[in-house]
């Protein structure tokens, strides 16, 4: 079943390599949405896809990379009113 979630990753996570890792994983899992900078050093993700694939993306987010420090990951459902056109983009 297709779902949409909003993810806020807090900490020192403003790394281009980390964003690219998330984007590649989302594309591999056929997840559409966006990733963008959020308040301070945080990242905001909107992701839509099959629930199992979203779970796998979340696991991947928690793994991180060696150049970041995750403090918290907040996940909540959201109603998709955007047309992501089937792709996952990094904005900004």
PDB file of N, CA and C in Angstrom:
ATOM      1  N   UNK A   1       0.832  -1.182   0.000  1.00  0.00           N
ATOM      2  CA  UNK A   1       0.000   0.000   0.000  1.00  0.00           C
ATOM      3  C   UNK A   1       0.882   1.253   0.000  1.00  0.00           C
ATOM      4  N   UNK A   2       0.525   2.221  -0.826  1.00  0.00           N
ATOM      5  CA  UNK A   2       1.307   3.452  -0.917  1.00  0.00           C
ATOM      6  C   UNK A   2       0.977   4.373   0.250  1.00  0.00           C
ATOM      7  N   UNK A   3       2.033   4.947   0.833  1.00  0.00           N
ATOM      8  CA  UNK A   3       1.919   5.878   1.948  1.00  0.00           C
ATOM      9  C   UNK A   3       2.799   7.081   1.672  1.00  0.00           C
ATOM     10  N   UNK A   4       2.539   8.164   2.411  1.00  0.00           N
ATOM     11  CA  UNK A   4       3.409   9.333   2.368  1.00  0.00           C
ATOM     12  C   UNK A   4       3.782   9.694   3.797  1.00  0.00           C
ATOM     13  N   UNK A   5       5.069   9.994   3.993  1.00  0.00           N
ATOM     14  CA  UNK A   5       5.549  10.370   5.310  1.00  0.00           C
ATOM     15  C   UNK A   5       6.421  11.614   5.226  1.00  0.00           C
ATOM     16  N   UNK A   6       6.477  12.307   6.343  1.00  0.00           N
ATOM     17  CA  UNK A   6       7.363  13.467   6.505  1.00  0.00           C
ATOM     18  C   UNK A   6       8.409  13.044   7.528  1.00  0.00           C
ATOM     19  N   UNK A   7       9.676  13.274   7.196  1.00  0.00           N
ATOM     20  CA  UNK A   7      10.778  12.886   8.076  1.00  0.00           C
ATOM     21  C   UNK A   7      11.619  14.121   8.355  1.00  0.00           C
ATOM     22  N   UNK A   8      11.885  14.373   9.619  1.00  0.00           N
ATOM     23  CA  UNK A   8      12.815  15.442   9.993  1.00  0.00           C
ATOM     24  C   UNK A   8      13.995  14.787  10.705  1.00  0.00           C
ATOM     25  N   UNK A   9      15.175  14.983  10.145  1.00  0.00           N
ATOM     26  CA  UNK A   9      16.398  14.439  10.723  1.00  0.00           C
ATOM     27  C   UNK A   9      17.135  15.590  11.390  1.00  0.00           C
ATOM     28  N   UNK A  10      17.339  15.508  12.699  1.00  0.00           N
ATOM     29  CA  UNK A  10      18.016  16.581  13.418  1.00  0.00           C
ATOM     30  C   UNK A  10      19.419  16.139  13.815  1.00  0.00           C
ATOM     31  N   UNK A  11      20.278  17.130  13.960  1.00  0.00           N
ATOM     32  CA  UNK A  11      21.670  16.887  14.322  1.00  0.00           C
ATOM     33  C   UNK A  11      22.576  17.608  13.344  1.00  0.00           C
ATOM     34  N   UNK A  12      23.778  17.117  13.251  1.00  0.00           N
ATOM     35  CA  UNK A  12      24.728  17.659  12.273  1.00  0.00           C
ATOM     36  C   UNK A  12      24.668  16.756  11.045  1.00  0.00           C
ATOM     37  N   UNK A  13      23.677  17.020  10.200  1.00  0.00           N
ATOM     38  CA  UNK A  13      23.407  16.128   9.073  1.00  0.00           C
ATOM     39  C   UNK A  13      23.492  16.825   7.721  1.00  0.00           C
ATOM     40  N   UNK A  14      23.979  18.050   7.686  1.00  0.00           N
ATOM     41  CA  UNK A  14      24.089  18.807   6.431  1.00  0.00           C
ATOM     42  C   UNK A  14      25.342  18.396   5.667  1.00  0.00           C
ATOM     43  N   UNK A  15      25.328  17.185   5.168  1.00  0.00           N
ATOM     44  CA  UNK A  15      26.438  16.657   4.388  1.00  0.00           C
ATOM     45  C   UNK A  15      25.926  16.293   3.001  1.00  0.00           C
ATOM     46  N   UNK A  16      26.613  16.768   1.981  1.00  0.00           N
ATOM     47  CA  UNK A  16      26.200  16.462   0.612  1.00  0.00           C
ATOM     48  C   UNK A  16      26.233  14.952   0.365  1.00  0.00           C
ATOM     49  N   UNK A  17      27.245  14.274   0.890  1.00  0.00           N
ATOM     50  CA  UNK A  17      27.331  12.832   0.664  1.00  0.00           C
ATOM     51  C   UNK A  17      26.162  12.101   1.328  1.00  0.00           C
ATOM     52  N   UNK A  18      25.743  12.558   2.509  1.00  0.00           N
ATOM     53  CA  UNK A  18      24.604  11.926   3.192  1.00  0.00           C
ATOM     54  C   UNK A  18      23.327  12.139   2.392  1.00  0.00           C
ATOM     55  N   UNK A  19      23.131  13.337   1.879  1.00  0.00           N
ATOM     56  CA  UNK A  19      21.947  13.614   1.067  1.00  0.00           C
ATOM     57  C   UNK A  19      21.937  12.740  -0.190  1.00  0.00           C
ATOM     58  N   UNK A  20      23.091  12.577  -0.804  1.00  0.00           N
ATOM     59  CA  UNK A  20      23.186  11.744  -2.007  1.00  0.00           C
ATOM     60  C   UNK A  20      22.896  10.283  -1.689  1.00  0.00           C
ATOM     61  N   UNK A  21      23.360   9.816  -0.522  1.00  0.00           N
ATOM     62  CA  UNK A  21      23.101   8.440  -0.106  1.00  0.00           C
ATOM     63  C   UNK A  21      21.596   8.217   0.062  1.00  0.00           C
ATOM     64  N   UNK A  22      20.928   9.166   0.702  1.00  0.00           N
ATOM     65  CA  UNK A  22      19.474   9.053   0.890  1.00  0.00           C
ATOM     66  C   UNK A  22      18.765   9.091  -0.461  1.00  0.00           C
ATOM     67  N   UNK A  23      19.174  10.006  -1.332  1.00  0.00           N
ATOM     68  CA  UNK A  23      18.538  10.116  -2.645  1.00  0.00           C
ATOM     69  C   UNK A  23      18.702   8.822  -3.446  1.00  0.00           C
ATOM     70  N   UNK A  24      19.891   8.261  -3.479  1.00  0.00           N
ATOM     71  CA  UNK A  24      20.123   7.027  -4.237  1.00  0.00           C
ATOM     72  C   UNK A  24      19.290   5.877  -3.684  1.00  0.00           C
ATOM     73  N   UNK A  25      19.204   5.796  -2.353  1.00  0.00           N
ATOM     74  CA  UNK A  25      18.411   4.729  -1.744  1.00  0.00           C
ATOM     75  C   UNK A  25      16.929   4.905  -2.070  1.00  0.00           C
ATOM     76  N   UNK A  26      16.439   6.138  -2.005  1.00  0.00           N
ATOM     77  CA  UNK A  26      15.033   6.405  -2.328  1.00  0.00           C
ATOM     78  C   UNK A  26      14.740   6.026  -3.779  1.00  0.00           C
ATOM     79  N   UNK A  27      15.635   6.379  -4.680  1.00  0.00           N
ATOM     80  CA  UNK A  27      15.443   6.046  -6.089  1.00  0.00           C
ATOM     81  C   UNK A  27      15.464   4.535  -6.293  1.00  0.00           C
ATOM     82  N   UNK A  28      16.369   3.854  -5.617  1.00  0.00           N
ATOM     83  CA  UNK A  28      16.461   2.393  -5.712  1.00  0.00           C
ATOM     84  C   UNK A  28      15.163   1.736  -5.247  1.00  0.00           C
ATOM     85  N   UNK A  29      14.519   2.334  -4.238  1.00  0.00           N
ATOM     86  CA  UNK A  29      13.300   1.782  -3.651  1.00  0.00           C
ATOM     87  C   UNK A  29      12.021   2.310  -4.321  1.00  0.00           C
ATOM     88  N   UNK A  30      12.184   3.073  -5.400  1.00  0.00           N
ATOM     89  CA  UNK A  30      11.042   3.643  -6.137  1.00  0.00           C
ATOM     90  C   UNK A  30      10.184   4.535  -5.241  1.00  0.00           C
ATOM     91  N   UNK A  31      10.856   5.342  -4.426  1.00  0.00           N
ATOM     92  CA  UNK A  31      10.185   6.308  -3.561  1.00  0.00           C
ATOM     93  C   UNK A  31      10.280   7.663  -4.231  1.00  0.00           C
ATOM     94  N   UNK A  32       9.166   8.380  -4.257  1.00  0.00           N
ATOM     95  CA  UNK A  32       9.175   9.726  -4.814  1.00  0.00           C
ATOM     96  C   UNK A  32       9.062  10.733  -3.686  1.00  0.00           C
ATOM     97  N   UNK A  33       9.596  11.955  -3.921  1.00  0.00           N
ATOM     98  CA  UNK A  33       9.505  12.990  -2.910  1.00  0.00           C
ATOM     99  C   UNK A  33      10.642  13.985  -3.012  1.00  0.00           C
ATOM    100  N   UNK A  34      10.906  14.637  -1.885  1.00  0.00           N
ATOM    101  CA  UNK A  34      11.956  15.657  -1.854  1.00  0.00           C
ATOM    102  C   UNK A  34      12.752  15.568  -0.553  1.00  0.00           C
ATOM    103  N   UNK A  35      13.969  16.060  -0.628  1.00  0.00           N
ATOM    104  CA  UNK A  35      14.852  16.219   0.529  1.00  0.00           C
ATOM    105  C   UNK A  35      15.373  17.640   0.461  1.00  0.00           C
ATOM    106  N   UNK A  36      15.298  18.357   1.570  1.00  0.00           N
ATOM    107  CA  UNK A  36      15.778  19.739   1.579  1.00  0.00           C
ATOM    108  C   UNK A  36      16.309  20.108   2.955  1.00  0.00           C
ATOM    109  N   UNK A  37      17.114  21.171   2.973  1.00  0.00           N
ATOM    110  CA  UNK A  37      17.596  21.696   4.243  1.00  0.00           C
ATOM    111  C   UNK A  37      16.413  22.192   5.047  1.00  0.00           C
ATOM    112  N   UNK A  38      16.546  22.080   6.350  1.00  0.00           N
ATOM    113  CA  UNK A  38      15.505  22.527   7.266  1.00  0.00           C
ATOM    114  C   UNK A  38      16.176  23.408   8.309  1.00  0.00           C
ATOM    115  N   UNK A  39      15.484  23.776   9.321  1.00  0.00           N
ATOM    116  CA  UNK A  39      16.008  24.676  10.355  1.00  0.00           C
ATOM    117  C   UNK A  39      17.404  24.238  10.826  1.00  0.00           C
ATOM    118  N   UNK A  40      18.315  25.197  10.896  1.00  0.00           N
ATOM    119  CA  UNK A  40      19.668  24.890  11.369  1.00  0.00           C
ATOM    120  C   UNK A  40      20.362  23.894  10.472  1.00  0.00           C
ATOM    121  N   UNK A  41      20.814  22.805  11.080  1.00  0.00           N
ATOM    122  CA  UNK A  41      21.526  21.758  10.344  1.00  0.00           C
ATOM    123  C   UNK A  41      20.646  20.549  10.061  1.00  0.00           C
ATOM    124  N   UNK A  42      19.349  20.720  10.128  1.00  0.00           N
ATOM    125  CA  UNK A  42      18.424  19.600   9.970  1.00  0.00           C
ATOM    126  C   UNK A  42      18.072  19.373   8.498  1.00  0.00           C
ATOM    127  N   UNK A  43      17.463  18.211   8.238  1.00  0.00           N
ATOM    128  CA  UNK A  43      17.005  17.841   6.904  1.00  0.00           C
ATOM    129  C   UNK A  43      15.527  17.500   6.989  1.00  0.00           C
ATOM    130  N   UNK A  44      14.760  17.948   5.986  1.00  0.00           N
ATOM    131  CA  UNK A  44      13.337  17.654   5.878  1.00  0.00           C
ATOM    132  C   UNK A  44      13.118  16.802   4.629  1.00  0.00           C
ATOM    133  N   UNK A  45      12.426  15.686   4.807  1.00  0.00           N
ATOM    134  CA  UNK A  45      12.142  14.778   3.696  1.00  0.00           C
ATOM    135  C   UNK A  45      10.639  14.551   3.605  1.00  0.00           C
ATOM    136  N   UNK A  46      10.117  14.633   2.390  1.00  0.00           N
ATOM    137  CA  UNK A  46       8.769  14.178   2.090  1.00  0.00           C
ATOM    138  C   UNK A  46       8.949  12.972   1.184  1.00  0.00           C
ATOM    139  N   UNK A  47       8.380  11.830   1.563  1.00  0.00           N
ATOM    140  CA  UNK A  47       8.585  10.600   0.808  1.00  0.00           C
ATOM    141  C   UNK A  47       7.274   9.844   0.654  1.00  0.00           C
ATOM    142  N   UNK A  48       7.022   9.361  -0.569  1.00  0.00           N
ATOM    143  CA  UNK A  48       5.831   8.571  -0.855  1.00  0.00           C
ATOM    144  C   UNK A  48       6.252   7.291  -1.570  1.00  0.00           C
ATOM    145  N   UNK A  49       5.700   6.184  -1.106  1.00  0.00           N
ATOM    146  CA  UNK A  49       6.023   4.904  -1.725  1.00  0.00           C
ATOM    147  C   UNK A  49       5.341   3.767  -0.995  1.00  0.00           C
ATOM    148  N   UNK A  50       5.684   2.552  -1.376  1.00  0.00           N
ATOM    149  CA  UNK A  50       5.152   1.375  -0.698  1.00  0.00           C
ATOM    150  C   UNK A  50       5.664   1.346   0.739  1.00  0.00           C
ATOM    151  N   UNK A  51       4.810   0.935   1.671  1.00  0.00           N
ATOM    152  CA  UNK A  51       5.165   1.009   3.087  1.00  0.00           C
ATOM    153  C   UNK A  51       6.428   0.226   3.418  1.00  0.00           C
ATOM    154  N   UNK A  52       6.630  -0.943   2.814  1.00  0.00           N
ATOM    155  CA  UNK A  52       7.857  -1.716   3.073  1.00  0.00           C
ATOM    156  C   UNK A  52       9.088  -0.957   2.598  1.00  0.00           C
ATOM    157  N   UNK A  53       8.970  -0.290   1.457  1.00  0.00           N
ATOM    158  CA  UNK A  53      10.099   0.482   0.925  1.00  0.00           C
ATOM    159  C   UNK A  53      10.393   1.695   1.802  1.00  0.00           C
ATOM    160  N   UNK A  54       9.351   2.331   2.323  1.00  0.00           N
ATOM    161  CA  UNK A  54       9.559   3.459   3.233  1.00  0.00           C
ATOM    162  C   UNK A  54      10.259   2.995   4.506  1.00  0.00           C
ATOM    163  N   UNK A  55       9.872   1.825   5.021  1.00  0.00           N
ATOM    164  CA  UNK A  55      10.544   1.270   6.202  1.00  0.00           C
ATOM    165  C   UNK A  55      12.029   1.039   5.933  1.00  0.00           C
ATOM    166  N   UNK A  56      12.329   0.538   4.741  1.00  0.00           N
ATOM    167  CA  UNK A  56      13.726   0.298   4.375  1.00  0.00           C
ATOM    168  C   UNK A  56      14.498   1.617   4.251  1.00  0.00           C
ATOM    169  N   UNK A  57      13.854   2.645   3.697  1.00  0.00           N
ATOM    170  CA  UNK A  57      14.490   3.966   3.610  1.00  0.00           C
ATOM    171  C   UNK A  57      14.776   4.509   5.015  1.00  0.00           C
ATOM    172  N   UNK A  58      13.829   4.374   5.917  1.00  0.00           N
ATOM    173  CA  UNK A  58      14.020   4.853   7.291  1.00  0.00           C
ATOM    174  C   UNK A  58      15.199   4.133   7.948  1.00  0.00           C
ATOM    175  N   UNK A  59      15.292   2.818   7.766  1.00  0.00           N
ATOM    176  CA  UNK A  59      16.445   2.071   8.301  1.00  0.00           C
ATOM    177  C   UNK A  59      17.742   2.630   7.743  1.00  0.00           C
ATOM    178  N   UNK A  60      17.742   2.937   6.451  1.00  0.00           N
ATOM    179  CA  UNK A  60      18.935   3.476   5.788  1.00  0.00           C
ATOM    180  C   UNK A  60      19.296   4.858   6.351  1.00  0.00           C
ATOM    181  N   UNK A  61      18.284   5.661   6.631  1.00  0.00           N
ATOM    182  CA  UNK A  61      18.510   6.999   7.204  1.00  0.00           C
ATOM    183  C   UNK A  61      19.196   6.878   8.555  1.00  0.00           C
ATOM    184  N   UNK A  62      18.740   5.946   9.375  1.00  0.00           N
ATOM    185  CA  UNK A  62      19.328   5.762  10.701  1.00  0.00           C
ATOM    186  C   UNK A  62      20.786   5.309  10.637  1.00  0.00           C
ATOM    187  N   UNK A  63      21.157   4.562   9.596  1.00  0.00           N
ATOM    188  CA  UNK A  63      22.548   4.103   9.458  1.00  0.00           C
ATOM    189  C   UNK A  63      23.497   5.281   9.287  1.00  0.00           C
ATOM    190  N   UNK A  64      23.047   6.308   8.552  1.00  0.00           N
ATOM    191  CA  UNK A  64      23.849   7.515   8.364  1.00  0.00           C
ATOM    192  C   UNK A  64      25.127   7.255   7.589  1.00  0.00           C
ATOM    193  N   UNK A  65      26.035   8.208   7.700  1.00  0.00           N
ATOM    194  CA  UNK A  65      27.372   8.102   7.120  1.00  0.00           C
ATOM    195  C   UNK A  65      28.362   8.581   8.176  1.00  0.00           C
ATOM    196  N   UNK A  66      29.634   8.384   7.917  1.00  0.00           N
ATOM    197  CA  UNK A  66      30.655   8.706   8.926  1.00  0.00           C
ATOM    198  C   UNK A  66      30.801  10.204   9.185  1.00  0.00           C
ATOM    199  N   UNK A  67      30.320  11.053   8.279  1.00  0.00           N
ATOM    200  CA  UNK A  67      30.520  12.494   8.440  1.00  0.00           C
ATOM    201  C   UNK A  67      29.315  13.224   9.035  1.00  0.00           C
ATOM    202  N   UNK A  68      28.348  12.500   9.586  1.00  0.00           N
ATOM    203  CA  UNK A  68      27.180  13.153  10.190  1.00  0.00           C
ATOM    204  C   UNK A  68      26.958  12.648  11.610  1.00  0.00           C
ATOM    205  N   UNK A  69      26.159  13.402  12.367  1.00  0.00           N
ATOM    206  CA  UNK A  69      25.773  13.003  13.719  1.00  0.00           C
ATOM    207  C   UNK A  69      24.273  13.221  13.867  1.00  0.00           C
ATOM    208  N   UNK A  70      23.524  12.115  13.843  1.00  0.00           N
ATOM    209  CA  UNK A  70      22.075  12.184  13.978  1.00  0.00           C
ATOM    210  C   UNK A  70      21.713  12.307  15.454  1.00  0.00           C
ATOM    211  N   UNK A  71      20.910  13.306  15.767  1.00  0.00           N
ATOM    212  CA  UNK A  71      20.400  13.476  17.126  1.00  0.00           C
ATOM    213  C   UNK A  71      19.035  12.815  17.263  1.00  0.00           C
ATOM    214  N   UNK A  72      18.173  13.005  16.244  1.00  0.00           N
ATOM    215  CA  UNK A  72      16.815  12.471  16.312  1.00  0.00           C
ATOM    216  C   UNK A  72      16.241  12.357  14.907  1.00  0.00           C
ATOM    217  N   UNK A  73      15.304  11.441  14.751  1.00  0.00           N
ATOM    218  CA  UNK A  73      14.560  11.294  13.502  1.00  0.00           C
ATOM    219  C   UNK A  73      13.079  11.272  13.868  1.00  0.00           C
ATOM    220  N   UNK A  74      12.339  12.248  13.359  1.00  0.00           N
ATOM    221  CA  UNK A  74      10.902  12.346  13.623  1.00  0.00           C
ATOM    222  C   UNK A  74      10.166  11.977  12.335  1.00  0.00           C
ATOM    223  N   UNK A  75       9.243  11.032  12.463  1.00  0.00           N
ATOM    224  CA  UNK A  75       8.509  10.547  11.295  1.00  0.00           C
ATOM    225  C   UNK A  75       7.018  10.690  11.575  1.00  0.00           C
ATOM    226  N   UNK A  76       6.311  11.290  10.618  1.00  0.00           N
ATOM    227  CA  UNK A  76       4.863  11.413  10.759  1.00  0.00           C
ATOM    228  C   UNK A  76       4.210  11.284   9.390  1.00  0.00           C
ATOM    229  N   UNK A  77       2.991  10.760   9.354  1.00  0.00           N
ATOM    230  CA  UNK A  77       2.294  10.652   8.064  1.00  0.00           C
ATOM    231  C   UNK A  77       1.879  12.033   7.577  1.00  0.00           C
ATOM    232  N   UNK A  78       1.714  12.156   6.269  1.00  0.00           N
ATOM    233  CA  UNK A  78       1.172  13.394   5.714  1.00  0.00           C
ATOM    234  C   UNK A  78       0.350  13.063   4.481  1.00  0.00           C
ATOM    235  N   UNK A  79      -0.580  13.925   4.188  1.00  0.00           N
ATOM    236  CA  UNK A  79      -1.414  13.762   2.996  1.00  0.00           C
ATOM    237  C   UNK A  79      -0.710  14.467   1.848  1.00  0.00           C
ATOM    238  N   UNK A  80      -0.394  13.727   0.830  1.00  0.00           N
ATOM    239  CA  UNK A  80       0.351  14.270  -0.303  1.00  0.00           C
ATOM    240  C   UNK A  80      -0.552  15.129  -1.177  1.00  0.00           C
ATOM    241  N   UNK A  81      -0.252  16.407  -1.222  1.00  0.00           N
ATOM    242  CA  UNK A  81      -0.959  17.322  -2.108  1.00  0.00           C
ATOM    243  C   UNK A  81      -0.044  17.823  -3.225  1.00  0.00           C
ATOM    244  N   UNK A  82       1.159  17.230  -3.300  1.00  0.00           N
ATOM    245  CA  UNK A  82       2.142  17.631  -4.307  1.00  0.00           C
ATOM    246  C   UNK A  82       2.254  16.535  -5.354  1.00  0.00           C
ATOM    247  N   UNK A  83       2.659  16.911  -6.544  1.00  0.00           N
ATOM    248  CA  UNK A  83       2.941  15.935  -7.581  1.00  0.00           C
ATOM    249  C   UNK A  83       4.455  15.817  -7.702  1.00  0.00           C
ATOM    250  N   UNK A  84       5.009  14.747  -7.147  1.00  0.00           N
ATOM    251  CA  UNK A  84       6.453  14.547  -7.192  1.00  0.00           C
ATOM    252  C   UNK A  84       6.907  13.981  -8.535  1.00  0.00           C
ATOM    253  N   UNK A  85       5.955  13.655  -9.395  1.00  0.00           N
ATOM    254  CA  UNK A  85       6.207  13.171 -10.752  1.00  0.00           C
ATOM    255  C   UNK A  85       7.083  11.919 -10.792  1.00  0.00           C
ATOM    256  N   UNK A  86       6.952  11.100  -9.744  1.00  0.00           N
ATOM    257  CA  UNK A  86       7.641   9.822  -9.737  1.00  0.00           C
ATOM    258  C   UNK A  86       9.127   9.858  -9.454  1.00  0.00           C
ATOM    259  N   UNK A  87       9.663  11.006  -9.022  1.00  0.00           N
ATOM    260  CA  UNK A  87      11.096  11.100  -8.751  1.00  0.00           C
ATOM    261  C   UNK A  87      11.358  11.578  -7.322  1.00  0.00           C
ATOM    262  N   UNK A  88      12.591  11.361  -6.878  1.00  0.00           N
ATOM    263  CA  UNK A  88      13.038  11.847  -5.577  1.00  0.00           C
ATOM    264  C   UNK A  88      14.133  12.857  -5.825  1.00  0.00           C
ATOM    265  N   UNK A  89      13.909  14.109  -5.380  1.00  0.00           N
ATOM    266  CA  UNK A  89      14.844  15.213  -5.665  1.00  0.00           C
ATOM    267  C   UNK A  89      15.458  15.761  -4.386  1.00  0.00           C
ATOM    268  N   UNK A  90      16.703  16.199  -4.504  1.00  0.00           N
ATOM    269  CA  UNK A  90      17.332  17.007  -3.456  1.00  0.00           C
ATOM    270  C   UNK A  90      17.147  18.443  -3.879  1.00  0.00           C
ATOM    271  N   UNK A  91      16.554  19.250  -2.988  1.00  0.00           N
ATOM    272  CA  UNK A  91      16.291  20.667  -3.273  1.00  0.00           C
ATOM    273  C   UNK A  91      17.263  21.509  -2.468  1.00  0.00           C
ATOM    274  N   UNK A  92      17.940  22.425  -3.137  1.00  0.00           N
ATOM    275  CA  UNK A  92      18.830  23.353  -2.445  1.00  0.00           C
ATOM    276  C   UNK A  92      20.161  22.841  -2.090  1.00  0.00           C
TER     277      UNK A  92
END
